[in-house]
């Protein structure tokens, strides 16, 4: 299958591409390159690449692909809160436009990276894909809007699938340090403290980046009736933990570290536990990584690859890195490059 992966030079895309290649697919990447150089250790071998802003994709660039795996987005809540207009422009408007163009180009399957954060303040009960969606941030709201608008495009020749990923964790050569487990482990390795700024009580569902990649690979080749216009939660119930419990796993993984819960940011309204049974039952997919394994992997990779404080707090933190690109004149106020190379 010929597959286009948008955002292939991001945290998830860098893990996704090798997984799809191992599964026998012919993969091309599409990325604006914001994070291409944000590599810890050795840069991964690149697939054939389209260097283009998501907002500028053309139907001709999508011709000949059997499927699109759409990962590209401004992908965290702090960034979305800082620039909600651009978040909606890229995450919602450009994503729906991409789906329409893909359909026009004859692409048959469109896999969209949604998020479990669409459930918002769902409390302690397990939520299924049929639960009410209560997005609390521009990032989560943009995901809900894309699901609604792309679902309206579905027909016998165009199968969208919405993968609602739990919060990702785990090592990727293009690291993200601003997601909860990756952040807590990095802070512990660099400072000896596992620092929690909230009160530690909110529930979070987590899933390893490699498990997300495996879920997408399953959905690429599943029979169309099994996935047509469906949403699937991606993760494992055992990885539904409070932030404090996640932090305790980090203390166990980083010798000599100690837990510090400051509570300085107050109570976090985003709290939800997720049911992942539908993907197991209907797709035969089950996430394999747990939190202790992921924390140990991260601690090892951070140490072995020489993670520095500068990299952790700047290069591998989305908001800090994009701000630096803007300050350097690489990006304008709309987060467009001054020049896009072919």
Protein backbone atom coordinates (compact mmCIF):
# COMPACT_ATOMS: atom_id res chain seq x y z
CA UNK A 1 0.00 0.00 0.00
CA UNK A 2 1.27 3.51 -0.85
CA UNK A 3 0.92 5.59 2.30
CA UNK A 4 1.46 9.31 2.89
CA UNK A 5 2.33 10.18 6.50
CA UNK A 6 1.87 13.83 7.41
CA UNK A 7 4.00 15.08 10.27
CA UNK A 8 6.51 12.32 9.65
CA UNK A 9 9.32 14.46 11.11
CA UNK A 10 7.54 14.85 14.42
CA UNK A 11 7.64 12.80 17.61
CA UNK A 12 5.05 10.22 16.55
CA UNK A 13 5.83 10.31 12.83
CA UNK A 14 9.45 9.37 13.43
CA UNK A 15 8.25 6.18 15.14
CA UNK A 16 5.33 5.61 12.76
CA UNK A 17 7.27 5.51 9.49
CA UNK A 18 9.58 2.57 10.39
CA UNK A 19 6.59 0.62 11.74
CA UNK A 20 4.67 1.03 8.48
CA UNK A 21 7.74 0.19 6.39
CA UNK A 22 8.25 -3.00 8.43
CA UNK A 23 4.62 -3.86 7.70
CA UNK A 24 5.42 -3.74 3.98
CA UNK A 25 4.01 -0.34 3.02
CA UNK A 26 5.62 2.14 0.65
CA UNK A 27 5.79 5.31 2.76
CA UNK A 28 6.27 8.96 1.80
CA UNK A 29 6.46 11.75 4.35
CA UNK A 30 4.94 15.22 4.26
CA UNK A 31 6.19 17.79 6.75
CA UNK A 32 7.01 21.49 7.00
CA UNK A 33 10.20 20.60 8.89
CA UNK A 34 9.60 22.57 12.10
CA UNK A 35 11.08 19.75 14.19
CA UNK A 36 13.25 17.95 11.66
CA UNK A 37 16.46 18.87 13.48
CA UNK A 38 15.12 18.18 16.98
CA UNK A 39 16.95 14.88 17.26
CA UNK A 40 18.41 13.22 20.34
CA UNK A 41 21.19 10.88 19.28
CA UNK A 42 21.34 9.66 15.70
CA UNK A 43 18.96 11.04 13.09
CA UNK A 44 16.67 8.38 11.63
CA UNK A 45 16.85 7.37 7.96
CA UNK A 46 14.37 9.58 6.10
CA UNK A 47 11.65 8.27 3.78
CA UNK A 48 10.95 10.02 0.46
CA UNK A 49 9.86 13.49 1.56
CA UNK A 50 7.48 16.28 0.54
CA UNK A 51 8.54 19.51 2.25
CA UNK A 52 5.31 21.49 2.32
CA UNK A 53 3.18 23.36 4.83
CA UNK A 54 0.00 21.42 5.59
CA UNK A 55 -2.02 24.49 4.64
CA UNK A 56 -0.55 24.44 1.12
CA UNK A 57 -1.00 20.81 0.11
CA UNK A 58 -2.37 20.29 -3.41
CA UNK A 59 -4.50 17.52 -4.83
CA UNK A 60 -1.70 16.59 -7.24
CA UNK A 61 0.61 15.88 -4.29
CA UNK A 62 -1.93 13.36 -2.95
CA UNK A 63 -2.52 11.55 -6.24
CA UNK A 64 -1.44 7.92 -6.32
CA UNK A 65 -1.62 7.24 -2.59
CA UNK A 66 -3.86 4.50 -1.22
CA UNK A 67 -4.00 5.96 2.28
CA UNK A 68 -3.13 9.06 4.28
CA UNK A 69 -1.98 8.84 7.89
CA UNK A 70 -2.58 12.34 9.22
CA UNK A 71 -0.44 13.18 12.25
CA UNK A 72 0.59 16.77 11.50
CA UNK A 73 -0.72 19.31 14.03
CA UNK A 74 0.21 21.93 16.57
CA UNK A 75 0.24 19.31 19.22
CA UNK A 76 -0.11 20.48 22.77
CA UNK A 77 -2.43 22.49 24.97
CA UNK A 78 -0.04 25.33 25.99
CA UNK A 79 0.71 26.10 22.35
CA UNK A 80 -2.96 25.94 21.44
CA UNK A 81 -3.86 28.33 24.26
CA UNK A 82 -1.16 30.78 23.16
CA UNK A 83 -2.18 30.79 19.49
CA UNK A 84 -5.78 29.51 19.25
CA UNK A 85 -6.35 31.11 15.83
CA UNK A 86 -3.37 29.34 14.29
CA UNK A 87 -4.25 26.12 16.11
CA UNK A 88 -7.67 26.08 14.47
CA UNK A 89 -6.19 27.14 11.12
CA UNK A 90 -3.74 24.23 11.06
CA UNK A 91 -5.37 21.57 13.21
CA UNK A 92 -8.95 22.03 11.99
CA UNK A 93 -9.22 23.94 8.72
CA UNK A 94 -6.11 22.52 7.06
CA UNK A 95 -6.88 18.99 8.25
CA UNK A 96 -10.40 19.00 6.82
CA UNK A 97 -9.06 20.51 3.60
CA UNK A 98 -6.46 17.72 3.44
CA UNK A 99 -9.19 15.10 3.79
CA UNK A 100 -11.26 16.68 1.02
CA UNK A 101 -8.26 16.82 -1.30
CA UNK A 102 -7.36 13.24 -0.45
CA UNK A 103 -10.85 12.13 -1.37
CA UNK A 104 -10.70 14.12 -4.62
CA UNK A 105 -7.33 12.47 -5.38
CA UNK A 106 -8.80 8.99 -5.01
CA UNK A 107 -7.27 8.15 -1.62
CA UNK A 108 -9.41 5.41 -0.14
CA UNK A 109 -8.45 5.45 3.55
CA UNK A 110 -7.77 8.44 5.80
CA UNK A 111 -6.40 7.71 9.29
CA UNK A 112 -6.67 10.69 11.61
CA UNK A 113 -4.69 11.10 14.83
CA UNK A 114 -7.30 12.33 17.26
CA UNK A 115 -6.93 12.30 21.05
CA UNK A 116 -8.54 11.03 24.24
CA UNK A 117 -8.45 14.61 25.50
CA UNK A 118 -11.72 15.12 23.59
CA UNK A 119 -13.37 13.59 26.68
CA UNK A 120 -12.20 16.50 28.85
CA UNK A 121 -13.48 16.50 32.43
CA UNK A 122 -15.00 13.01 32.36
CA UNK A 123 -14.23 12.07 35.97
CA UNK A 124 -13.24 8.62 37.21
CA UNK A 125 -15.66 6.43 35.21
CA UNK A 126 -14.25 4.65 32.17
CA UNK A 127 -15.35 6.40 28.97
CA UNK A 128 -15.98 4.60 25.69
CA UNK A 129 -16.02 6.02 22.20
CA UNK A 130 -19.74 6.80 22.64
CA UNK A 131 -19.19 9.06 25.66
CA UNK A 132 -20.03 12.76 25.41
CA UNK A 133 -17.15 14.85 24.10
CA UNK A 134 -16.21 17.71 26.45
CA UNK A 135 -13.05 19.32 25.01
CA UNK A 136 -11.54 21.90 27.36
CA UNK A 137 -8.79 23.40 25.19
CA UNK A 138 -8.41 24.74 21.63
CA UNK A 139 -6.27 21.68 20.83
CA UNK A 140 -8.96 19.22 21.92
CA UNK A 141 -11.75 21.29 20.37
CA UNK A 142 -9.93 21.28 17.03
CA UNK A 143 -9.81 17.48 17.13
CA UNK A 144 -13.57 17.24 17.72
CA UNK A 145 -14.26 19.59 14.82
CA UNK A 146 -12.08 17.53 12.46
CA UNK A 147 -13.79 14.29 13.45
CA UNK A 148 -17.21 15.82 12.74
CA UNK A 149 -16.27 17.43 9.43
CA UNK A 150 -14.25 14.51 8.04
CA UNK A 151 -16.96 12.02 9.01
CA UNK A 152 -19.30 13.96 6.71
CA UNK A 153 -16.99 13.11 3.78
CA UNK A 154 -17.25 9.34 4.25
CA UNK A 155 -18.74 7.30 1.44
CA UNK A 156 -18.23 3.98 -0.30
CA UNK A 157 -14.91 5.14 -1.77
CA UNK A 158 -13.53 7.09 1.18
CA UNK A 159 -13.03 5.54 4.63
CA UNK A 160 -11.97 7.87 7.43
CA UNK A 161 -10.85 6.34 10.75
CA UNK A 162 -10.39 8.37 13.94
CA UNK A 163 -7.78 7.06 16.36
CA UNK A 164 -8.24 8.73 19.73
CA UNK A 165 -4.79 8.25 21.17
CA UNK A 166 -4.15 8.38 24.88
CA UNK A 167 -1.35 10.72 25.95
CA UNK A 168 1.78 9.44 24.26
CA UNK A 169 4.98 8.45 26.03
CA UNK A 170 8.20 6.69 25.17
CA UNK A 171 11.41 7.36 23.34
CA UNK A 172 11.49 8.73 19.81
CA UNK A 173 14.64 10.07 18.12
CA UNK A 174 12.65 13.27 17.60
CA UNK A 175 11.87 13.65 21.24
CA UNK A 176 9.06 15.52 22.93
CA UNK A 177 9.81 16.59 26.49
CA UNK A 178 6.47 18.34 27.11
CA UNK A 179 4.24 15.27 27.56
CA UNK A 180 3.74 13.96 31.05
CA UNK A 181 5.86 10.80 31.39
CA UNK A 182 8.63 12.04 29.09
CA UNK A 183 8.74 15.28 31.06
CA UNK A 184 8.80 13.72 34.51
CA UNK A 185 11.56 11.27 33.57
CA UNK A 186 13.66 14.01 31.97
CA UNK A 187 13.33 16.24 34.99
CA UNK A 188 14.31 13.36 37.26
CA UNK A 189 17.37 12.43 35.19
CA UNK A 190 18.58 16.04 34.99
CA UNK A 191 17.72 17.33 38.49
CA UNK A 192 17.04 14.35 40.74
CA UNK A 193 13.47 15.55 41.30
CA UNK A 194 10.22 14.17 39.92
CA UNK A 195 8.38 17.48 39.91
CA UNK A 196 4.57 17.62 39.66
CA UNK A 197 3.14 21.12 39.38
CA UNK A 198 -0.52 20.13 39.81
CA UNK A 199 -1.98 18.45 42.88
CA UNK A 200 -1.38 15.05 41.25
CA UNK A 201 -5.01 13.91 41.37
CA UNK A 202 -6.15 14.12 37.70
CA UNK A 203 -6.50 10.86 35.80
CA UNK A 204 -4.52 10.41 32.61
CA UNK A 205 -4.60 7.56 30.07
CA UNK A 206 -1.17 6.92 28.52
CA UNK A 207 0.08 4.90 25.54
CA UNK A 208 3.54 4.27 24.12
CA UNK A 209 4.39 5.86 20.76
CA UNK A 210 5.18 2.42 19.33
CA UNK A 211 1.76 1.14 20.34
CA UNK A 212 0.16 4.10 18.57
CA UNK A 213 2.14 3.22 15.44
CA UNK A 214 0.98 -0.40 15.68
CA UNK A 215 -2.64 0.69 16.00
CA UNK A 216 -2.37 2.78 12.84
CA UNK A 217 -0.78 -0.16 11.00
CA UNK A 218 -3.73 -2.35 12.03
CA UNK A 219 -6.27 0.22 10.83
CA UNK A 220 -4.53 0.59 7.46
CA UNK A 221 -5.24 -3.00 6.49
CA UNK A 222 -8.38 -3.83 8.51
CA UNK A 223 -11.46 -4.62 6.39
CA UNK A 224 -13.18 -1.37 5.49
CA UNK A 225 -16.50 -2.27 7.17
CA UNK A 226 -14.68 -2.77 10.48
CA UNK A 227 -13.20 0.73 10.56
CA UNK A 228 -15.36 2.83 8.23
CA UNK A 229 -16.02 6.21 9.84
CA UNK A 230 -15.26 4.75 13.28
CA UNK A 231 -13.49 6.19 16.29
CA UNK A 232 -11.22 3.94 18.37
CA UNK A 233 -9.59 4.73 21.69
CA UNK A 234 -5.92 3.71 21.55
CA UNK A 235 -4.26 2.66 24.80
CA UNK A 236 -4.65 0.23 27.70
CA UNK A 237 -6.75 0.38 30.87
CA UNK A 238 -3.71 -0.49 32.99
CA UNK A 239 -2.20 2.83 31.88
CA UNK A 240 -5.09 4.86 33.30
CA UNK A 241 -3.23 6.43 36.23
CA UNK A 242 -3.30 9.62 38.25
CA UNK A 243 -0.47 12.05 37.68
CA UNK A 244 0.82 11.21 41.15
CA UNK A 245 0.88 7.49 40.29
CA UNK A 246 2.75 8.22 37.06
CA UNK A 247 5.26 10.22 39.08
CA UNK A 248 5.77 7.33 41.51
CA UNK A 249 6.65 5.07 38.57
CA UNK A 250 9.29 7.61 37.55
CA UNK A 251 10.79 7.63 41.06
CA UNK A 252 11.13 3.85 40.79
CA UNK A 253 12.79 4.11 37.37
CA UNK A 254 15.35 6.82 38.21
CA UNK A 255 17.57 5.76 41.14
CA UNK A 256 18.05 8.47 43.74
CA UNK A 257 15.21 10.66 42.52
CA UNK A 258 12.54 12.02 44.84
CA UNK A 259 8.95 13.07 44.31
CA UNK A 260 8.01 16.74 44.72
CA UNK A 261 4.33 17.71 44.31
CA UNK A 262 4.19 21.50 44.40
CA UNK A 263 0.54 22.04 43.53
CA UNK A 264 1.52 25.47 42.23
CA UNK A 265 -0.58 25.21 39.08
CA UNK A 266 -3.68 24.21 41.05
CA UNK A 267 -6.21 21.54 40.20
CA UNK A 268 -6.24 20.46 36.55
CA UNK A 269 -9.82 20.10 35.19
CA UNK A 270 -8.63 17.63 32.53
CA UNK A 271 -9.27 14.27 34.15
CA UNK A 272 -10.51 11.15 32.39
CA UNK A 273 -10.15 7.37 32.42
CA UNK A 274 -10.64 5.58 29.12
CA UNK A 275 -12.03 2.23 28.01
CA UNK A 276 -9.98 0.63 25.22
CA UNK A 277 -12.04 -2.54 24.72
CA UNK A 278 -13.40 -1.67 21.28
CA UNK A 279 -9.97 -1.83 19.61
CA UNK A 280 -9.26 -5.17 21.28
CA UNK A 281 -12.64 -6.63 20.42
CA UNK A 282 -13.06 -5.35 16.89
CA UNK A 283 -9.50 -4.93 15.62
CA UNK A 284 -7.54 -7.43 17.70
CA UNK A 285 -5.28 -4.59 18.84
CA UNK A 286 -3.86 -4.45 22.33
CA UNK A 287 -1.27 -1.98 23.60
CA UNK A 288 1.79 -3.74 25.02
CA UNK A 289 3.84 -1.11 26.90
CA UNK A 290 3.10 -0.16 30.50
CA UNK A 291 4.20 2.91 32.44
CA UNK A 292 7.07 1.33 34.43
CA UNK A 293 8.56 -0.09 31.20
CA UNK A 294 8.22 3.27 29.47
CA UNK A 295 9.80 5.16 32.36
CA UNK A 296 12.75 2.74 32.42
CA UNK A 297 13.18 3.03 28.63
CA UNK A 298 13.19 6.82 28.78
CA UNK A 299 15.64 6.97 31.67
CA UNK A 300 18.02 4.67 29.79
CA UNK A 301 17.76 6.53 26.48
CA UNK A 302 18.10 9.97 28.05
CA UNK A 303 21.26 8.90 29.83
CA UNK A 304 22.77 6.92 26.95
CA UNK A 305 22.12 9.67 24.39
CA UNK A 306 23.31 12.54 26.56
CA UNK A 307 20.16 14.55 27.18
CA UNK A 308 21.06 18.08 28.33
CA UNK A 309 19.05 20.68 30.21
CA UNK A 310 19.17 23.00 27.19
CA UNK A 311 17.76 20.30 24.93
CA UNK A 312 15.14 19.25 27.45
CA UNK A 313 13.80 22.71 28.23
CA UNK A 314 14.15 24.25 24.76
CA UNK A 315 14.82 22.04 21.75
CA UNK A 316 12.47 19.23 22.77
CA UNK A 317 9.69 21.44 24.16
CA UNK A 318 7.27 22.42 21.42
CA UNK A 319 6.32 25.90 22.59
CA UNK A 320 9.92 26.89 23.40
CA UNK A 321 11.25 25.58 20.07
CA UNK A 322 8.63 27.31 17.92
CA UNK A 323 9.12 30.53 19.87
CA UNK A 324 12.85 30.33 19.15
CA UNK A 325 12.18 29.82 15.43
CA UNK A 326 9.93 32.89 15.42
CA UNK A 327 12.51 34.97 17.30
CA UNK A 328 15.15 33.91 14.77
CA UNK A 329 12.95 34.98 11.86
CA UNK A 330 12.59 31.43 10.53
CA UNK A 331 8.82 31.52 11.10
CA UNK A 332 6.42 34.42 10.76
CA UNK A 333 3.48 35.24 13.03
CA UNK A 334 1.33 32.67 11.21
CA UNK A 335 3.96 29.97 11.80
CA UNK A 336 4.90 29.84 8.15
CA UNK A 337 8.46 29.44 6.99
CA UNK A 338 9.92 32.35 5.08
CA UNK A 339 10.73 29.81 2.34
CA UNK A 340 9.64 26.20 1.79
CA UNK A 341 12.07 24.03 -0.13
CA UNK A 342 10.78 21.38 -2.50
